Amino acid sequence: MKNIGARMETLRNDMNLTPQAVSSYLDIPTEDLFDMENGKKNITLSVLNKLCSLFGCSESYLLCRSEEFDPAAFALRSNSIEADDLQGIASMNRIYLNMKYLTSKMDD
């Protein structure tokens, strides 16, 4: 998969997130999210950082420069994830990614 937008859409769908919830989390119009997923609009650095936190992936993975992806696995007690929940998910993923990075540096 070489398309960044397709990777974004796949990750969003894998998390069962609606375009409306993700665009609300990103603070962008839903149309802009669709344009990014369809390759019609470039992703800003701010959006890239937020998406990586939300999906728990590296920038290299989201930008299709790497195939290495080891997402955090945690359970939520809700059947539906609302836009307000995404900030909490992103925070947990940032903690996971930071701990993973620190652990890798300790192993070096």
C-alpha atoms as a PDB file:
ATOM      1  CA  MET A   1       0.000   0.000   0.000  1.00  0.00           C
ATOM      2  CA  LYS A   2       1.734   3.129  -1.204  1.00  0.00           C
ATOM      3  CA  ASN A   3      -1.089   5.606  -0.763  1.00  0.00           C
ATOM      4  CA  ILE A   4      -1.050   7.640   2.444  1.00  0.00           C
ATOM      5  CA  GLY A   5      -4.759   8.420   2.194  1.00  0.00           C
ATOM      6  CA  ALA A   6      -5.635   4.762   1.767  1.00  0.00           C
ATOM      7  CA  ARG A   7      -3.538   3.928   4.819  1.00  0.00           C
ATOM      8  CA  MET A   8      -5.380   6.621   6.805  1.00  0.00           C
ATOM      9  CA  GLU A   9      -8.735   5.232   5.744  1.00  0.00           C
ATOM     10  CA  THR A  10      -7.705   1.653   6.553  1.00  0.00           C
ATOM     11  CA  LEU A  11      -6.521   2.618  10.038  1.00  0.00           C
ATOM     12  CA  ARG A  12      -9.713   4.603  10.651  1.00  0.00           C
ATOM     13  CA  ASN A  13     -11.871   1.702   9.509  1.00  0.00           C
ATOM     14  CA  ASP A  14      -9.838  -0.809  11.541  1.00  0.00           C
ATOM     15  CA  MET A  15     -10.671   1.230  14.653  1.00  0.00           C
ATOM     16  CA  ASN A  16     -14.338   1.475  13.591  1.00  0.00           C
ATOM     17  CA  LEU A  17     -14.161   5.271  13.670  1.00  0.00           C
ATOM     18  CA  THR A  18     -16.530   7.407  11.686  1.00  0.00           C
ATOM     19  CA  PRO A  19     -15.156  10.130   9.423  1.00  0.00           C
ATOM     20  CA  GLN A  20     -17.164  12.630  11.454  1.00  0.00           C
ATOM     21  CA  ALA A  21     -15.548  11.566  14.747  1.00  0.00           C
ATOM     22  CA  VAL A  22     -12.026  11.681  13.301  1.00  0.00           C
ATOM     23  CA  SER A  23     -12.544  15.042  11.604  1.00  0.00           C
ATOM     24  CA  SER A  24     -13.943  16.437  14.856  1.00  0.00           C
ATOM     25  CA  TYR A  25     -10.884  15.139  16.738  1.00  0.00           C
ATOM     26  CA  LEU A  26      -8.614  16.687  14.094  1.00  0.00           C
ATOM     27  CA  ASP A  27     -10.634  19.918  14.166  1.00  0.00           C
ATOM     28  CA  ILE A  28     -11.062  19.909  10.399  1.00  0.00           C
ATOM     29  CA  PRO A  29     -14.126  19.657   8.154  1.00  0.00           C
ATOM     30  CA  THR A  30     -15.154  16.114   7.247  1.00  0.00           C
ATOM     31  CA  GLU A  31     -14.738  17.042   3.578  1.00  0.00           C
ATOM     32  CA  ASP A  32     -11.041  17.783   4.236  1.00  0.00           C
ATOM     33  CA  LEU A  33     -10.604  14.348   5.819  1.00  0.00           C
ATOM     34  CA  PHE A  34     -12.207  12.707   2.786  1.00  0.00           C
ATOM     35  CA  ASP A  35      -9.955  14.776   0.493  1.00  0.00           C
ATOM     36  CA  MET A  36      -6.876  13.610   2.435  1.00  0.00           C
ATOM     37  CA  GLU A  37      -8.011   9.981   2.296  1.00  0.00           C
ATOM     38  CA  ASN A  38      -8.612  10.310  -1.450  1.00  0.00           C
ATOM     39  CA  GLY A  39      -5.233  11.968  -2.086  1.00  0.00           C
ATOM     40  CA  LYS A  40      -6.771  15.286  -3.099  1.00  0.00           C
ATOM     41  CA  LYS A  41      -5.386  17.255  -0.168  1.00  0.00           C
ATOM     42  CA  ASN A  42      -2.015  17.179   1.586  1.00  0.00           C
ATOM     43  CA  ILE A  43      -1.770  16.270   5.252  1.00  0.00           C
ATOM     44  CA  THR A  44      -0.428  19.027   7.483  1.00  0.00           C
ATOM     45  CA  LEU A  45       2.167  18.290  10.148  1.00  0.00           C
ATOM     46  CA  SER A  46      -0.406  19.002  12.856  1.00  0.00           C
ATOM     47  CA  VAL A  47      -2.868  16.513  11.363  1.00  0.00           C
ATOM     48  CA  LEU A  48      -0.073  13.958  10.853  1.00  0.00           C
ATOM     49  CA  ASN A  49       0.923  14.161  14.516  1.00  0.00           C
ATOM     50  CA  LYS A  50      -2.675  13.838  15.706  1.00  0.00           C
ATOM     51  CA  LEU A  51      -3.350  10.874  13.421  1.00  0.00           C
ATOM     52  CA  CYS A  52      -0.208   9.060  14.564  1.00  0.00           C
ATOM     53  CA  SER A  53      -1.272   9.539  18.175  1.00  0.00           C
ATOM     54  CA  LEU A  54      -4.809   8.394  17.449  1.00  0.00           C
ATOM     55  CA  PHE A  55      -3.778   5.312  15.483  1.00  0.00           C
ATOM     56  CA  GLY A  56      -0.739   4.541  17.644  1.00  0.00           C
ATOM     57  CA  CYS A  57       1.625   4.441  14.684  1.00  0.00           C
ATOM     58  CA  SER A  58       4.823   6.136  13.629  1.00  0.00           C
ATOM     59  CA  GLU A  59       4.985   8.927  11.092  1.00  0.00           C
ATOM     60  CA  SER A  60       6.996   6.580   8.855  1.00  0.00           C
ATOM     61  CA  TYR A  61       4.193   4.031   8.891  1.00  0.00           C
ATOM     62  CA  LEU A  62       1.448   6.547   8.152  1.00  0.00           C
ATOM     63  CA  LEU A  63       3.529   8.090   5.357  1.00  0.00           C
ATOM     64  CA  CYS A  64       4.054   4.608   3.836  1.00  0.00           C
ATOM     65  CA  ARG A  65       7.808   4.724   4.384  1.00  0.00           C
ATOM     66  CA  SER A  66       7.703   1.722   6.705  1.00  0.00           C
ATOM     67  CA  GLU A  67       5.585  -1.385   7.096  1.00  0.00           C
ATOM     68  CA  GLU A  68       6.402  -1.739  10.804  1.00  0.00           C
ATOM     69  CA  PHE A  69       3.258  -1.281  12.883  1.00  0.00           C
ATOM     70  CA  ASP A  70       2.719  -2.661  16.373  1.00  0.00           C
ATOM     71  CA  PRO A  71      -0.422  -1.025  17.754  1.00  0.00           C
ATOM     72  CA  ALA A  72      -1.232  -0.902  21.427  1.00  0.00           C
ATOM     73  CA  ALA A  73      -3.951  -3.313  22.442  1.00  0.00           C
ATOM     74  CA  PHE A  74      -6.401  -2.064  25.034  1.00  0.00           C
ATOM     75  CA  ALA A  75     -10.056  -2.673  25.643  1.00  0.00           C
ATOM     76  CA  LEU A  76     -12.758  -0.071  25.865  1.00  0.00           C
ATOM     77  CA  ARG A  77     -15.996  -0.654  27.720  1.00  0.00           C
ATOM     78  CA  SER A  78     -18.119   1.063  25.143  1.00  0.00           C
ATOM     79  CA  ASN A  79     -19.779  -0.262  22.023  1.00  0.00           C
ATOM     80  CA  SER A  80     -19.389   3.072  20.286  1.00  0.00           C
ATOM     81  CA  ILE A  81     -16.536   5.529  20.338  1.00  0.00           C
ATOM     82  CA  GLU A  82     -17.505   9.181  20.301  1.00  0.00           C
ATOM     83  CA  ALA A  83     -15.399  12.098  19.102  1.00  0.00           C
ATOM     84  CA  ASP A  84     -14.699  13.116  22.709  1.00  0.00           C
ATOM     85  CA  ASP A  85     -13.190   9.682  23.417  1.00  0.00           C
ATOM     86  CA  LEU A  86     -10.568  10.037  20.699  1.00  0.00           C
ATOM     87  CA  GLN A  87      -8.464  12.489  22.704  1.00  0.00           C
ATOM     88  CA  GLY A  88      -8.165   9.911  25.490  1.00  0.00           C
ATOM     89  CA  ILE A  89      -7.290   7.145  23.030  1.00  0.00           C
ATOM     90  CA  ALA A  90      -4.635   9.366  21.443  1.00  0.00           C
ATOM     91  CA  SER A  91      -3.156  10.150  24.865  1.00  0.00           C
ATOM     92  CA  MET A  92      -2.931   6.457  25.757  1.00  0.00           C
ATOM     93  CA  ASN A  93      -1.281   5.707  22.412  1.00  0.00           C
ATOM     94  CA  ARG A  94       1.255   8.526  22.893  1.00  0.00           C
ATOM     95  CA  ILE A  95       2.192   7.072  26.276  1.00  0.00           C
ATOM     96  CA  TYR A  96       2.514   3.612  24.707  1.00  0.00           C
ATOM     97  CA  LEU A  97       4.688   4.895  21.853  1.00  0.00           C
ATOM     98  CA  ASN A  98       6.905   6.881  24.239  1.00  0.00           C
ATOM     99  CA  MET A  99       7.372   3.873  26.525  1.00  0.00           C
ATOM    100  CA  LYS A 100       8.138   1.662  23.530  1.00  0.00           C
ATOM    101  CA  TYR A 101      10.759   4.166  22.344  1.00  0.00           C
ATOM    102  CA  LEU A 102      12.358   4.449  25.782  1.00  0.00           C
ATOM    103  CA  THR A 103      12.461   0.674  26.140  1.00  0.00           C
ATOM    104  CA  SER A 104      14.176   0.342  22.762  1.00  0.00           C
ATOM    105  CA  LYS A 105      16.823   2.880  23.820  1.00  0.00           C
ATOM    106  CA  MET A 106      17.476   1.021  27.054  1.00  0.00           C
ATOM    107  CA  ASP A 107      18.052  -2.164  25.046  1.00  0.00           C
ATOM    108  CA  ASP A 108      20.721  -0.460  22.893  1.00  0.00           C
END
